[in-house]
Each structure stands twice: as structure tokens, then as C-alpha cells.
Amino acid sequence: PIADVNVDAGNPVIGVRSFGADPALVARLTAAQ
């Protein structure tokens, strides 16, 4: 999975490939995958 935390709305390469902007949420879903 993508473990990047997308905190920049202007990110041209990650964006929706990330679980989101909250590190805790991204960590939980990364581990689940």
C-alpha cells in the first residue's frame, strides 16, 4: 500500500493514492492492507 500522508492538496503525484491527511488513519489502513 501507499504509506504517504497527503497533507498537500497540490501534490501532483500522490493525491488520491494516499489514504488521507491524518497520520493515524493512514497508519491504520496501511497496516490493515
All heavy atoms as atom14 arrays in JSON, in Angstrom:
{
  "sequence": "PIADVNVDAGNPVIGVRSFGADPALVARLTAAQ",
  "atom14_mask": [
    [1, 1, 1, 1, 1, 1, 1, 0, 0, 0, 0, 0, 0, 0],
    [1, 1, 1, 1, 1, 1, 1, 1, 0, 0, 0, 0, 0, 0],
    [1, 1, 1, 1, 1, 0, 0, 0, 0, 0, 0, 0, 0, 0],
    [1, 1, 1, 1, 1, 1, 1, 1, 0, 0, 0, 0, 0, 0],
    [1, 1, 1, 1, 1, 1, 1, 0, 0, 0, 0, 0, 0, 0],
    [1, 1, 1, 1, 1, 1, 1, 1, 0, 0, 0, 0, 0, 0],
    [1, 1, 1, 1, 1, 1, 1, 0, 0, 0, 0, 0, 0, 0],
    [1, 1, 1, 1, 1, 1, 1, 1, 0, 0, 0, 0, 0, 0],
    [1, 1, 1, 1, 1, 0, 0, 0, 0, 0, 0, 0, 0, 0],
    [1, 1, 1, 1, 0, 0, 0, 0, 0, 0, 0, 0, 0, 0],
    [1, 1, 1, 1, 1, 1, 1, 1, 0, 0, 0, 0, 0, 0],
    [1, 1, 1, 1, 1, 1, 1, 0, 0, 0, 0, 0, 0, 0],
    [1, 1, 1, 1, 1, 1, 1, 0, 0, 0, 0, 0, 0, 0],
    [1, 1, 1, 1, 1, 1, 1, 1, 0, 0, 0, 0, 0, 0],
    [1, 1, 1, 1, 0, 0, 0, 0, 0, 0, 0, 0, 0, 0],
    [1, 1, 1, 1, 1, 1, 1, 0, 0, 0, 0, 0, 0, 0],
    [1, 1, 1, 1, 1, 1, 1, 1, 1, 1, 1, 0, 0, 0],
    [1, 1, 1, 1, 1, 1, 0, 0, 0, 0, 0, 0, 0, 0],
    [1, 1, 1, 1, 1, 1, 1, 1, 1, 1, 1, 0, 0, 0],
    [1, 1, 1, 1, 0, 0, 0, 0, 0, 0, 0, 0, 0, 0],
    [1, 1, 1, 1, 1, 0, 0, 0, 0, 0, 0, 0, 0, 0],
    [1, 1, 1, 1, 1, 1, 1, 1, 0, 0, 0, 0, 0, 0],
    [1, 1, 1, 1, 1, 1, 1, 0, 0, 0, 0, 0, 0, 0],
    [1, 1, 1, 1, 1, 0, 0, 0, 0, 0, 0, 0, 0, 0],
    [1, 1, 1, 1, 1, 1, 1, 1, 0, 0, 0, 0, 0, 0],
    [1, 1, 1, 1, 1, 1, 1, 0, 0, 0, 0, 0, 0, 0],
    [1, 1, 1, 1, 1, 0, 0, 0, 0, 0, 0, 0, 0, 0],
    [1, 1, 1, 1, 1, 1, 1, 1, 1, 1, 1, 0, 0, 0],
    [1, 1, 1, 1, 1, 1, 1, 1, 0, 0, 0, 0, 0, 0],
    [1, 1, 1, 1, 1, 1, 1, 0, 0, 0, 0, 0, 0, 0],
    [1, 1, 1, 1, 1, 0, 0, 0, 0, 0, 0, 0, 0, 0],
    [1, 1, 1, 1, 1, 0, 0, 0, 0, 0, 0, 0, 0, 0],
    [1, 1, 1, 1, 1, 1, 1, 1, 1, 0, 0, 0, 0, 0]
  ],
  "atom14_positions": [
    [[0.8, -1.21, 0.0], [0.0, 0.0, 0.0], [0.84, 1.28, 0.0], [2.04, 1.25, 0.28], [-0.76, -0.12, 1.32], [0.22, -0.81, 2.23], [0.92, -1.81, 1.36], [0.0, 0.0, 0.0], [0.0, 0.0, 0.0], [0.0, 0.0, 0.0], [0.0, 0.0, 0.0], [0.0, 0.0, 0.0], [0.0, 0.0, 0.0], [0.0, 0.0, 0.0]],
    [[0.17, 2.39, -0.3], [0.77, 3.72, -0.22], [0.75, 4.17, 1.23], [-0.31, 4.25, 1.85], [0.0, 4.73, -1.09], [0.07, 4.35, -2.56], [0.51, 6.14, -0.84], [1.32, 4.78, -3.28], [0.0, 0.0, 0.0], [0.0, 0.0, 0.0], [0.0, 0.0, 0.0], [0.0, 0.0, 0.0], [0.0, 0.0, 0.0], [0.0, 0.0, 0.0]],
    [[1.92, 4.45, 1.79], [2.02, 4.89, 3.19], [2.25, 6.39, 3.31], [2.5, 6.89, 4.4], [3.14, 4.13, 3.89], [0.0, 0.0, 0.0], [0.0, 0.0, 0.0], [0.0, 0.0, 0.0], [0.0, 0.0, 0.0], [0.0, 0.0, 0.0], [0.0, 0.0, 0.0], [0.0, 0.0, 0.0], [0.0, 0.0, 0.0], [0.0, 0.0, 0.0]],
    [[2.16, 7.11, 2.2], [2.37, 8.56, 2.21], [1.15, 9.27, 2.79], [0.01, 8.89, 2.52], [2.6, 9.07, 0.78], [3.78, 8.39, 0.11], [4.84, 8.29, 0.76], [3.65, 7.94, -1.04], [0.0, 0.0, 0.0], [0.0, 0.0, 0.0], [0.0, 0.0, 0.0], [0.0, 0.0, 0.0], [0.0, 0.0, 0.0], [0.0, 0.0, 0.0]],
    [[1.41, 10.32, 3.57], [0.34, 11.11, 4.18], [0.17, 12.36, 3.33], [1.04, 13.24, 3.31], [0.68, 11.47, 5.64], [-0.46, 12.28, 6.27], [0.95, 10.21, 6.45], [0.0, 0.0, 0.0], [0.0, 0.0, 0.0], [0.0, 0.0, 0.0], [0.0, 0.0, 0.0], [0.0, 0.0, 0.0], [0.0, 0.0, 0.0], [0.0, 0.0, 0.0]],
    [[-0.95, 12.47, 2.63], [-1.14, 13.55, 1.65], [-1.62, 14.82, 2.33], [-2.82, 15.12, 2.36], [-2.12, 13.13, 0.56], [-1.99, 14.0, -0.68], [-1.02, 13.84, -1.43], [-2.91, 14.92, -0.9], [0.0, 0.0, 0.0], [0.0, 0.0, 0.0], [0.0, 0.0, 0.0], [0.0, 0.0, 0.0], [0.0, 0.0, 0.0], [0.0, 0.0, 0.0]],
    [[-0.69, 15.6, 2.85], [-1.06, 16.83, 3.54], [-0.98, 18.05, 2.62], [-1.29, 19.17, 3.06], [-0.17, 17.06, 4.78], [-0.45, 15.99, 5.82], [1.31, 17.06, 4.42], [0.0, 0.0, 0.0], [0.0, 0.0, 0.0], [0.0, 0.0, 0.0], [0.0, 0.0, 0.0], [0.0, 0.0, 0.0], [0.0, 0.0, 0.0], [0.0, 0.0, 0.0]],
    [[-0.59, 17.86, 1.38], [-0.51, 18.96, 0.41], [-1.58, 18.74, -0.65], [-1.49, 17.81, -1.45], [0.87, 19.01, -0.23], [1.06, 20.21, -1.15], [0.06, 20.85, -1.51], [2.22, 20.5, -1.52], [0.0, 0.0, 0.0], [0.0, 0.0, 0.0], [0.0, 0.0, 0.0], [0.0, 0.0, 0.0], [0.0, 0.0, 0.0], [0.0, 0.0, 0.0]],
    [[-2.59, 19.6, -0.67], [-3.67, 19.46, -1.65], [-3.16, 19.62, -3.08], [-3.8, 19.16, -4.02], [-4.77, 20.49, -1.37], [0.0, 0.0, 0.0], [0.0, 0.0, 0.0], [0.0, 0.0, 0.0], [0.0, 0.0, 0.0], [0.0, 0.0, 0.0], [0.0, 0.0, 0.0], [0.0, 0.0, 0.0], [0.0, 0.0, 0.0], [0.0, 0.0, 0.0]],
    [[-2.0, 20.26, -3.24], [-1.43, 20.45, -4.56], [-0.43, 19.38, -4.96], [0.29, 19.54, -5.94], [0.0, 0.0, 0.0], [0.0, 0.0, 0.0], [0.0, 0.0, 0.0], [0.0, 0.0, 0.0], [0.0, 0.0, 0.0], [0.0, 0.0, 0.0], [0.0, 0.0, 0.0], [0.0, 0.0, 0.0], [0.0, 0.0, 0.0], [0.0, 0.0, 0.0]],
    [[-0.4, 18.28, -4.23], [0.54, 17.2, -4.54], [0.18, 16.6, -5.9], [-0.91, 16.05, -6.07], [0.45, 16.12, -3.45], [1.58, 15.11, -3.54], [1.98, 14.69, -4.62], [2.1, 14.69, -2.39], [0.0, 0.0, 0.0], [0.0, 0.0, 0.0], [0.0, 0.0, 0.0], [0.0, 0.0, 0.0], [0.0, 0.0, 0.0], [0.0, 0.0, 0.0]],
    [[1.07, 16.68, -6.89], [0.71, 16.25, -8.23], [0.85, 14.76, -8.49], [0.39, 14.27, -9.52], [1.7, 17.03, -9.11], [2.93, 17.11, -8.25], [2.42, 17.27, -6.83], [0.0, 0.0, 0.0], [0.0, 0.0, 0.0], [0.0, 0.0, 0.0], [0.0, 0.0, 0.0], [0.0, 0.0, 0.0], [0.0, 0.0, 0.0], [0.0, 0.0, 0.0]],
    [[1.47, 14.02, -7.58], [1.8, 12.63, -7.86], [1.16, 11.64, -6.89], [0.93, 10.49, -7.24], [3.34, 12.44, -7.89], [3.96, 12.7, -6.52], [3.72, 11.05, -8.39], [0.0, 0.0, 0.0], [0.0, 0.0, 0.0], [0.0, 0.0, 0.0], [0.0, 0.0, 0.0], [0.0, 0.0, 0.0], [0.0, 0.0, 0.0], [0.0, 0.0, 0.0]],
    [[0.84, 12.06, -5.67], [0.25, 11.15, -4.7], [-1.27, 11.36, -4.65], [-2.03, 10.54, -5.15], [0.88, 11.32, -3.3], [2.4, 11.09, -3.4], [0.26, 10.34, -2.32], [2.8, 9.71, -3.9], [0.0, 0.0, 0.0], [0.0, 0.0, 0.0], [0.0, 0.0, 0.0], [0.0, 0.0, 0.0], [0.0, 0.0, 0.0], [0.0, 0.0, 0.0]],
    [[-1.75, 12.42, -4.06], [-3.18, 12.72, -4.09], [-4.03, 11.56, -3.6], [-3.85, 11.05, -2.5], [0.0, 0.0, 0.0], [0.0, 0.0, 0.0], [0.0, 0.0, 0.0], [0.0, 0.0, 0.0], [0.0, 0.0, 0.0], [0.0, 0.0, 0.0], [0.0, 0.0, 0.0], [0.0, 0.0, 0.0], [0.0, 0.0, 0.0], [0.0, 0.0, 0.0]],
    [[-4.97, 11.11, -4.45], [-5.91, 10.05, -4.05], [-5.24, 8.7, -3.89], [-5.88, 7.74, -3.45], [-7.08, 9.92, -5.05], [-7.96, 11.14, -5.02], [-6.58, 9.63, -6.45], [0.0, 0.0, 0.0], [0.0, 0.0, 0.0], [0.0, 0.0, 0.0], [0.0, 0.0, 0.0], [0.0, 0.0, 0.0], [0.0, 0.0, 0.0], [0.0, 0.0, 0.0]],
    [[-3.97, 8.59, -4.23], [-3.26, 7.34, -3.97], [-2.95, 7.16, -2.49], [-2.59, 6.06, -2.06], [-1.96, 7.32, -4.79], [-2.18, 7.38, -6.29], [-0.88, 7.65, -7.03], [0.08, 6.58, -6.83], [1.4, 6.7, -7.07], [1.89, 7.87, -7.48], [2.2, 5.68, -6.88], [0.0, 0.0, 0.0], [0.0, 0.0, 0.0], [0.0, 0.0, 0.0]],
    [[-3.08, 8.23, -1.71], [-2.87, 8.2, -0.26], [-4.19, 7.95, 0.45], [-5.26, 8.34, -0.04], [-2.29, 9.54, 0.2], [-2.42, 9.71, 1.59], [0.0, 0.0, 0.0], [0.0, 0.0, 0.0], [0.0, 0.0, 0.0], [0.0, 0.0, 0.0], [0.0, 0.0, 0.0], [0.0, 0.0, 0.0], [0.0, 0.0, 0.0], [0.0, 0.0, 0.0]],
    [[-4.12, 7.34, 1.63], [-5.33, 7.14, 2.43], [-5.87, 8.44, 2.99], [-7.03, 8.51, 3.38], [-5.05, 6.17, 3.58], [-4.79, 4.76, 3.16], [-3.53, 4.19, 3.28], [-5.8, 3.98, 2.62], [-3.28, 2.89, 2.89], [-5.57, 2.67, 2.22], [-4.3, 2.12, 2.36], [0.0, 0.0, 0.0], [0.0, 0.0, 0.0], [0.0, 0.0, 0.0]],
    [[-5.05, 9.48, 3.05], [-5.56, 10.74, 3.56], [-4.5, 11.6, 4.2], [-3.29, 11.38, 4.02], [0.0, 0.0, 0.0], [0.0, 0.0, 0.0], [0.0, 0.0, 0.0], [0.0, 0.0, 0.0], [0.0, 0.0, 0.0], [0.0, 0.0, 0.0], [0.0, 0.0, 0.0], [0.0, 0.0, 0.0], [0.0, 0.0, 0.0], [0.0, 0.0, 0.0]],
    [[-4.96, 12.59, 4.98], [-4.07, 13.59, 5.56], [-3.81, 13.38, 7.04], [-3.02, 14.12, 7.63], [-4.67, 14.99, 5.35], [0.0, 0.0, 0.0], [0.0, 0.0, 0.0], [0.0, 0.0, 0.0], [0.0, 0.0, 0.0], [0.0, 0.0, 0.0], [0.0, 0.0, 0.0], [0.0, 0.0, 0.0], [0.0, 0.0, 0.0], [0.0, 0.0, 0.0]],
    [[-4.45, 12.4, 7.65], [-4.26, 12.13, 9.07], [-3.28, 10.97, 9.25], [-3.57, 9.85, 8.82], [-5.6, 11.79, 9.73], [-5.43, 11.39, 11.18], [-4.6, 12.0, 11.88], [-6.11, 10.44, 11.61], [0.0, 0.0, 0.0], [0.0, 0.0, 0.0], [0.0, 0.0, 0.0], [0.0, 0.0, 0.0], [0.0, 0.0, 0.0], [0.0, 0.0, 0.0]],
    [[-2.13, 11.2, 9.88], [-1.14, 10.12, 10.01], [-1.68, 8.87, 10.7], [-1.33, 7.75, 10.32], [-0.02, 10.77, 10.84], [-0.16, 12.24, 10.58], [-1.62, 12.48, 10.41], [0.0, 0.0, 0.0], [0.0, 0.0, 0.0], [0.0, 0.0, 0.0], [0.0, 0.0, 0.0], [0.0, 0.0, 0.0], [0.0, 0.0, 0.0], [0.0, 0.0, 0.0]],
    [[-2.55, 9.06, 11.69], [-3.08, 7.9, 12.41], [-3.98, 7.06, 11.5], [-3.92, 5.82, 11.52], [-3.85, 8.35, 13.65], [0.0, 0.0, 0.0], [0.0, 0.0, 0.0], [0.0, 0.0, 0.0], [0.0, 0.0, 0.0], [0.0, 0.0, 0.0], [0.0, 0.0, 0.0], [0.0, 0.0, 0.0], [0.0, 0.0, 0.0], [0.0, 0.0, 0.0]],
    [[-4.84, 7.72, 10.72], [-5.7, 6.99, 9.78], [-4.86, 6.27, 8.73], [-5.09, 5.08, 8.44], [-6.67, 7.96, 9.1], [-7.55, 7.35, 8.01], [-8.53, 6.35, 8.59], [-8.28, 8.44, 7.23], [0.0, 0.0, 0.0], [0.0, 0.0, 0.0], [0.0, 0.0, 0.0], [0.0, 0.0, 0.0], [0.0, 0.0, 0.0], [0.0, 0.0, 0.0]],
    [[-3.89, 6.98, 8.16], [-3.04, 6.36, 7.14], [-2.29, 5.17, 7.73], [-2.16, 4.12, 7.1], [-2.07, 7.4, 6.55], [-1.11, 6.73, 5.57], [-2.84, 8.52, 5.86], [0.0, 0.0, 0.0], [0.0, 0.0, 0.0], [0.0, 0.0, 0.0], [0.0, 0.0, 0.0], [0.0, 0.0, 0.0], [0.0, 0.0, 0.0], [0.0, 0.0, 0.0]],
    [[-1.81, 5.29, 8.95], [-1.09, 4.2, 9.6], [-1.99, 2.98, 9.79], [-1.59, 1.84, 9.52], [-0.52, 4.66, 10.94], [0.0, 0.0, 0.0], [0.0, 0.0, 0.0], [0.0, 0.0, 0.0], [0.0, 0.0, 0.0], [0.0, 0.0, 0.0], [0.0, 0.0, 0.0], [0.0, 0.0, 0.0], [0.0, 0.0, 0.0], [0.0, 0.0, 0.0]],
    [[-3.23, 3.21, 10.27], [-4.15, 2.08, 10.49], [-4.47, 1.35, 9.2], [-4.46, 0.11, 9.16], [-5.45, 2.59, 11.12], [-5.37, 2.93, 12.58], [-6.74, 3.06, 13.21], [-7.57, 4.07, 12.58], [-7.56, 5.37, 12.88], [-6.73, 5.81, 13.82], [-8.37, 6.22, 12.27], [0.0, 0.0, 0.0], [0.0, 0.0, 0.0], [0.0, 0.0, 0.0]],
    [[-4.77, 2.11, 8.15], [-5.16, 1.48, 6.9], [-3.97, 0.85, 6.18], [-4.11, -0.18, 5.52], [-5.88, 2.48, 6.01], [-7.17, 3.06, 6.59], [-7.87, 3.96, 5.58], [-8.11, 1.96, 7.06], [0.0, 0.0, 0.0], [0.0, 0.0, 0.0], [0.0, 0.0, 0.0], [0.0, 0.0, 0.0], [0.0, 0.0, 0.0], [0.0, 0.0, 0.0]],
    [[-2.8, 1.46, 6.32], [-1.58, 0.84, 5.77], [-1.33, -0.51, 6.41], [-1.09, -1.52, 5.72], [-0.37, 1.76, 5.99], [-0.56, 2.98, 5.24], [0.92, 1.1, 5.52], [0.0, 0.0, 0.0], [0.0, 0.0, 0.0], [0.0, 0.0, 0.0], [0.0, 0.0, 0.0], [0.0, 0.0, 0.0], [0.0, 0.0, 0.0], [0.0, 0.0, 0.0]],
    [[-1.39, -0.57, 7.72], [-1.17, -1.83, 8.43], [-2.22, -2.86, 8.06], [-1.92, -4.05, 7.89], [-1.17, -1.59, 9.94], [0.0, 0.0, 0.0], [0.0, 0.0, 0.0], [0.0, 0.0, 0.0], [0.0, 0.0, 0.0], [0.0, 0.0, 0.0], [0.0, 0.0, 0.0], [0.0, 0.0, 0.0], [0.0, 0.0, 0.0], [0.0, 0.0, 0.0]],
    [[-3.48, -2.42, 7.91], [-4.55, -3.34, 7.53], [-4.29, -3.95, 6.16], [-4.52, -5.15, 5.94], [-5.9, -2.61, 7.54], [0.0, 0.0, 0.0], [0.0, 0.0, 0.0], [0.0, 0.0, 0.0], [0.0, 0.0, 0.0], [0.0, 0.0, 0.0], [0.0, 0.0, 0.0], [0.0, 0.0, 0.0], [0.0, 0.0, 0.0], [0.0, 0.0, 0.0]],
    [[-3.79, -3.13, 5.23], [-3.52, -3.67, 3.9], [-2.29, -4.57, 3.88], [-2.25, -5.57, 3.16], [-3.4, -2.54, 2.89], [-4.74, -1.84, 2.65], [-4.99, -1.52, 1.2], [-4.18, -0.87, 0.55], [-6.13, -1.97, 0.69], [0.0, 0.0, 0.0], [0.0, 0.0, 0.0], [0.0, 0.0, 0.0], [0.0, 0.0, 0.0], [0.0, 0.0, 0.0]]
  ]
}
